[in-house]
């Protein structure tokens, strides 16, 4: 094999190794300037890479009723913050803070979840201005 063929093969290999890094999707579909609360029953919690996924059924008869698909942070990130693959279980009735989808469909990016005992588990890193406002508020 000549030197030019070896270089071409190395270039193809480098592109192949880099391709998975390019596969990570955008979060442009979420409205990170808006946070809404939804209360519903967990249908399933998928502890998968690159992001977790939760399907939540919101009961009722209005427009807000239906199944919401909520994207979450990676299992690696969540496990470092106290989550496990069993944190959310089918049948759990919980309240979720969500950055909604910009197009109005039922879904979004999970900000946090409030457990029945009132414990709030963050899913996203806390923005400094949110933490400052929370610390400045009277008890």
C-alpha atoms as a PDB file:
ATOM      1  CA  UNK A   1       0.000   0.000   0.000  1.00  0.00           C
ATOM      2  CA  UNK A   2       1.435   3.339  -0.979  1.00  0.00           C
ATOM      3  CA  UNK A   3       1.657   6.434   1.223  1.00  0.00           C
ATOM      4  CA  UNK A   4      -1.298   8.204  -0.486  1.00  0.00           C
ATOM      5  CA  UNK A   5      -3.598   5.197   0.102  1.00  0.00           C
ATOM      6  CA  UNK A   6      -2.594   5.072   3.768  1.00  0.00           C
ATOM      7  CA  UNK A   7      -3.417   8.782   4.175  1.00  0.00           C
ATOM      8  CA  UNK A   8      -6.794   8.329   2.471  1.00  0.00           C
ATOM      9  CA  UNK A   9      -7.597   5.360   4.707  1.00  0.00           C
ATOM     10  CA  UNK A  10      -6.588   7.354   7.805  1.00  0.00           C
ATOM     11  CA  UNK A  11      -8.839  10.255   6.747  1.00  0.00           C
ATOM     12  CA  UNK A  12     -11.808   7.915   6.264  1.00  0.00           C
ATOM     13  CA  UNK A  13     -11.166   6.356   9.687  1.00  0.00           C
ATOM     14  CA  UNK A  14     -10.976   9.802  11.333  1.00  0.00           C
ATOM     15  CA  UNK A  15     -14.322  10.827   9.828  1.00  0.00           C
ATOM     16  CA  UNK A  16     -15.876   7.541  10.968  1.00  0.00           C
ATOM     17  CA  UNK A  17     -14.700   8.061  14.537  1.00  0.00           C
ATOM     18  CA  UNK A  18     -15.944  11.676  14.608  1.00  0.00           C
ATOM     19  CA  UNK A  19     -19.402  10.906  13.156  1.00  0.00           C
ATOM     20  CA  UNK A  20     -21.005   9.893  16.503  1.00  0.00           C
ATOM     21  CA  UNK A  21     -20.043  13.263  17.989  1.00  0.00           C
ATOM     22  CA  UNK A  22     -21.928  14.984  15.182  1.00  0.00           C
ATOM     23  CA  UNK A  23     -25.007  12.843  15.804  1.00  0.00           C
ATOM     24  CA  UNK A  24     -25.958  14.662  19.033  1.00  0.00           C
ATOM     25  CA  UNK A  25     -29.167  16.529  18.372  1.00  0.00           C
ATOM     26  CA  UNK A  26     -30.094  20.122  18.978  1.00  0.00           C
ATOM     27  CA  UNK A  27     -32.270  21.459  21.781  1.00  0.00           C
ATOM     28  CA  UNK A  28     -33.599  24.250  19.546  1.00  0.00           C
ATOM     29  CA  UNK A  29     -37.112  22.767  19.664  1.00  0.00           C
ATOM     30  CA  UNK A  30     -37.485  23.600  23.377  1.00  0.00           C
ATOM     31  CA  UNK A  31     -38.496  27.018  24.719  1.00  0.00           C
ATOM     32  CA  UNK A  32     -35.848  27.529  27.414  1.00  0.00           C
ATOM     33  CA  UNK A  33     -37.304  30.966  28.228  1.00  0.00           C
ATOM     34  CA  UNK A  34     -40.571  29.406  29.411  1.00  0.00           C
ATOM     35  CA  UNK A  35     -41.217  26.899  32.196  1.00  0.00           C
ATOM     36  CA  UNK A  36     -44.578  25.201  32.707  1.00  0.00           C
ATOM     37  CA  UNK A  37     -45.782  22.716  35.321  1.00  0.00           C
ATOM     38  CA  UNK A  38     -47.592  19.542  34.439  1.00  0.00           C
ATOM     39  CA  UNK A  39     -48.970  16.988  36.886  1.00  0.00           C
ATOM     40  CA  UNK A  40     -49.513  13.490  35.668  1.00  0.00           C
ATOM     41  CA  UNK A  41     -48.891   9.791  36.004  1.00  0.00           C
ATOM     42  CA  UNK A  42     -45.602   8.290  34.841  1.00  0.00           C
ATOM     43  CA  UNK A  43     -46.174   5.751  32.080  1.00  0.00           C
ATOM     44  CA  UNK A  44     -42.506   4.889  31.729  1.00  0.00           C
ATOM     45  CA  UNK A  45     -39.037   6.226  32.519  1.00  0.00           C
ATOM     46  CA  UNK A  46     -36.336   5.224  30.071  1.00  0.00           C
ATOM     47  CA  UNK A  47     -32.811   5.298  31.516  1.00  0.00           C
ATOM     48  CA  UNK A  48     -31.085   5.531  28.135  1.00  0.00           C
ATOM     49  CA  UNK A  49     -28.189   7.338  26.520  1.00  0.00           C
ATOM     50  CA  UNK A  50     -27.675   9.973  25.349  1.00  0.00           C
ATOM     51  CA  UNK A  51     -30.751  11.294  27.210  1.00  0.00           C
ATOM     52  CA  UNK A  52     -33.382   9.867  29.516  1.00  0.00           C
ATOM     53  CA  UNK A  53     -36.992   9.909  28.400  1.00  0.00           C
ATOM     54  CA  UNK A  54     -40.225  10.002  30.427  1.00  0.00           C
ATOM     55  CA  UNK A  55     -43.780   9.557  29.175  1.00  0.00           C
ATOM     56  CA  UNK A  56     -46.347  11.212  31.443  1.00  0.00           C
ATOM     57  CA  UNK A  57     -50.122  10.929  31.131  1.00  0.00           C
ATOM     58  CA  UNK A  58     -51.961  14.106  32.114  1.00  0.00           C
ATOM     59  CA  UNK A  59     -55.599  13.387  32.952  1.00  0.00           C
ATOM     60  CA  UNK A  60     -58.526  15.621  32.156  1.00  0.00           C
ATOM     61  CA  UNK A  61     -60.720  16.680  29.307  1.00  0.00           C
ATOM     62  CA  UNK A  62     -59.083  19.932  28.247  1.00  0.00           C
ATOM     63  CA  UNK A  63     -56.330  20.691  25.773  1.00  0.00           C
ATOM     64  CA  UNK A  64     -53.659  19.900  28.336  1.00  0.00           C
ATOM     65  CA  UNK A  65     -54.830  16.279  28.690  1.00  0.00           C
ATOM     66  CA  UNK A  66     -52.793  13.619  26.932  1.00  0.00           C
ATOM     67  CA  UNK A  67     -49.400  11.945  26.971  1.00  0.00           C
ATOM     68  CA  UNK A  68     -46.341  14.179  27.238  1.00  0.00           C
ATOM     69  CA  UNK A  69     -42.888  13.067  26.129  1.00  0.00           C
ATOM     70  CA  UNK A  70     -40.227  14.620  28.353  1.00  0.00           C
ATOM     71  CA  UNK A  71     -36.567  14.532  27.482  1.00  0.00           C
ATOM     72  CA  UNK A  72     -34.097  14.542  30.348  1.00  0.00           C
ATOM     73  CA  UNK A  73     -30.394  14.703  31.013  1.00  0.00           C
ATOM     74  CA  UNK A  74     -28.129  11.693  30.528  1.00  0.00           C
ATOM     75  CA  UNK A  75     -28.080   8.806  33.012  1.00  0.00           C
ATOM     76  CA  UNK A  76     -24.473   9.741  33.814  1.00  0.00           C
ATOM     77  CA  UNK A  77     -25.426  13.304  34.781  1.00  0.00           C
ATOM     78  CA  UNK A  78     -28.521  12.244  36.704  1.00  0.00           C
ATOM     79  CA  UNK A  79     -26.760   9.478  38.638  1.00  0.00           C
ATOM     80  CA  UNK A  80     -24.211  12.032  39.872  1.00  0.00           C
ATOM     81  CA  UNK A  81     -27.164  14.043  41.195  1.00  0.00           C
ATOM     82  CA  UNK A  82     -28.939  11.306  43.131  1.00  0.00           C
ATOM     83  CA  UNK A  83     -31.155   9.789  40.445  1.00  0.00           C
ATOM     84  CA  UNK A  84     -31.320   6.073  39.646  1.00  0.00           C
ATOM     85  CA  UNK A  85     -33.099   4.123  36.935  1.00  0.00           C
ATOM     86  CA  UNK A  86     -35.819   3.505  39.539  1.00  0.00           C
ATOM     87  CA  UNK A  87     -36.358   7.143  40.615  1.00  0.00           C
ATOM     88  CA  UNK A  88     -39.497   7.466  38.486  1.00  0.00           C
ATOM     89  CA  UNK A  89     -41.770   4.434  38.366  1.00  0.00           C
ATOM     90  CA  UNK A  90     -44.842   3.702  36.240  1.00  0.00           C
ATOM     91  CA  UNK A  91     -47.909   4.765  38.194  1.00  0.00           C
ATOM     92  CA  UNK A  92     -46.157   7.543  40.155  1.00  0.00           C
ATOM     93  CA  UNK A  93     -48.259  10.726  40.177  1.00  0.00           C
ATOM     94  CA  UNK A  94     -45.784  13.613  40.048  1.00  0.00           C
ATOM     95  CA  UNK A  95     -45.431  17.270  39.137  1.00  0.00           C
ATOM     96  CA  UNK A  96     -42.882  18.183  36.487  1.00  0.00           C
ATOM     97  CA  UNK A  97     -41.373  21.568  35.634  1.00  0.00           C
ATOM     98  CA  UNK A  98     -40.812  21.561  31.879  1.00  0.00           C
ATOM     99  CA  UNK A  99     -39.385  23.760  29.143  1.00  0.00           C
ATOM    100  CA  UNK A 100     -42.159  23.137  26.574  1.00  0.00           C
ATOM    101  CA  UNK A 101     -41.811  22.382  22.893  1.00  0.00           C
ATOM    102  CA  UNK A 102     -41.929  25.567  20.801  1.00  0.00           C
ATOM    103  CA  UNK A 103     -44.416  24.081  18.345  1.00  0.00           C
ATOM    104  CA  UNK A 104     -47.052  23.447  21.027  1.00  0.00           C
ATOM    105  CA  UNK A 105     -47.000  19.654  20.948  1.00  0.00           C
ATOM    106  CA  UNK A 106     -47.297  17.821  24.264  1.00  0.00           C
ATOM    107  CA  UNK A 107     -43.737  17.481  25.474  1.00  0.00           C
ATOM    108  CA  UNK A 108     -40.604  19.285  26.454  1.00  0.00           C
ATOM    109  CA  UNK A 109     -37.327  19.169  28.328  1.00  0.00           C
ATOM    110  CA  UNK A 110     -37.670  18.275  31.999  1.00  0.00           C
ATOM    111  CA  UNK A 111     -36.337  20.909  34.409  1.00  0.00           C
ATOM    112  CA  UNK A 112     -37.237  19.113  37.652  1.00  0.00           C
ATOM    113  CA  UNK A 113     -39.692  16.698  39.202  1.00  0.00           C
ATOM    114  CA  UNK A 114     -41.538  17.057  42.509  1.00  0.00           C
ATOM    115  CA  UNK A 115     -42.009  13.765  44.343  1.00  0.00           C
ATOM    116  CA  UNK A 116     -45.122  13.020  46.451  1.00  0.00           C
ATOM    117  CA  UNK A 117     -43.203  13.873  49.659  1.00  0.00           C
ATOM    118  CA  UNK A 118     -42.408  17.351  48.276  1.00  0.00           C
ATOM    119  CA  UNK A 119     -38.777  16.607  47.399  1.00  0.00           C
ATOM    120  CA  UNK A 120     -37.732  18.382  44.203  1.00  0.00           C
ATOM    121  CA  UNK A 121     -35.140  16.602  42.074  1.00  0.00           C
ATOM    122  CA  UNK A 122     -33.445  18.858  39.531  1.00  0.00           C
ATOM    123  CA  UNK A 123     -32.972  17.426  36.076  1.00  0.00           C
ATOM    124  CA  UNK A 124     -31.161  20.426  34.626  1.00  0.00           C
ATOM    125  CA  UNK A 125     -28.261  22.309  36.190  1.00  0.00           C
ATOM    126  CA  UNK A 126     -29.629  25.268  38.121  1.00  0.00           C
ATOM    127  CA  UNK A 127     -29.130  28.588  36.339  1.00  0.00           C
ATOM    128  CA  UNK A 128     -27.314  31.103  38.585  1.00  0.00           C
ATOM    129  CA  UNK A 129     -30.088  33.729  38.360  1.00  0.00           C
ATOM    130  CA  UNK A 130     -32.670  31.144  39.525  1.00  0.00           C
ATOM    131  CA  UNK A 131     -30.513  30.113  42.485  1.00  0.00           C
ATOM    132  CA  UNK A 132     -29.900  33.772  43.395  1.00  0.00           C
ATOM    133  CA  UNK A 133     -33.624  34.590  43.277  1.00  0.00           C
ATOM    134  CA  UNK A 134     -34.446  31.539  45.381  1.00  0.00           C
ATOM    135  CA  UNK A 135     -31.797  32.491  47.984  1.00  0.00           C
ATOM    136  CA  UNK A 136     -32.981  36.115  48.089  1.00  0.00           C
ATOM    137  CA  UNK A 137     -36.635  35.200  48.677  1.00  0.00           C
ATOM    138  CA  UNK A 138     -37.839  35.461  52.282  1.00  0.00           C
ATOM    139  CA  UNK A 139     -38.358  32.087  54.012  1.00  0.00           C
END
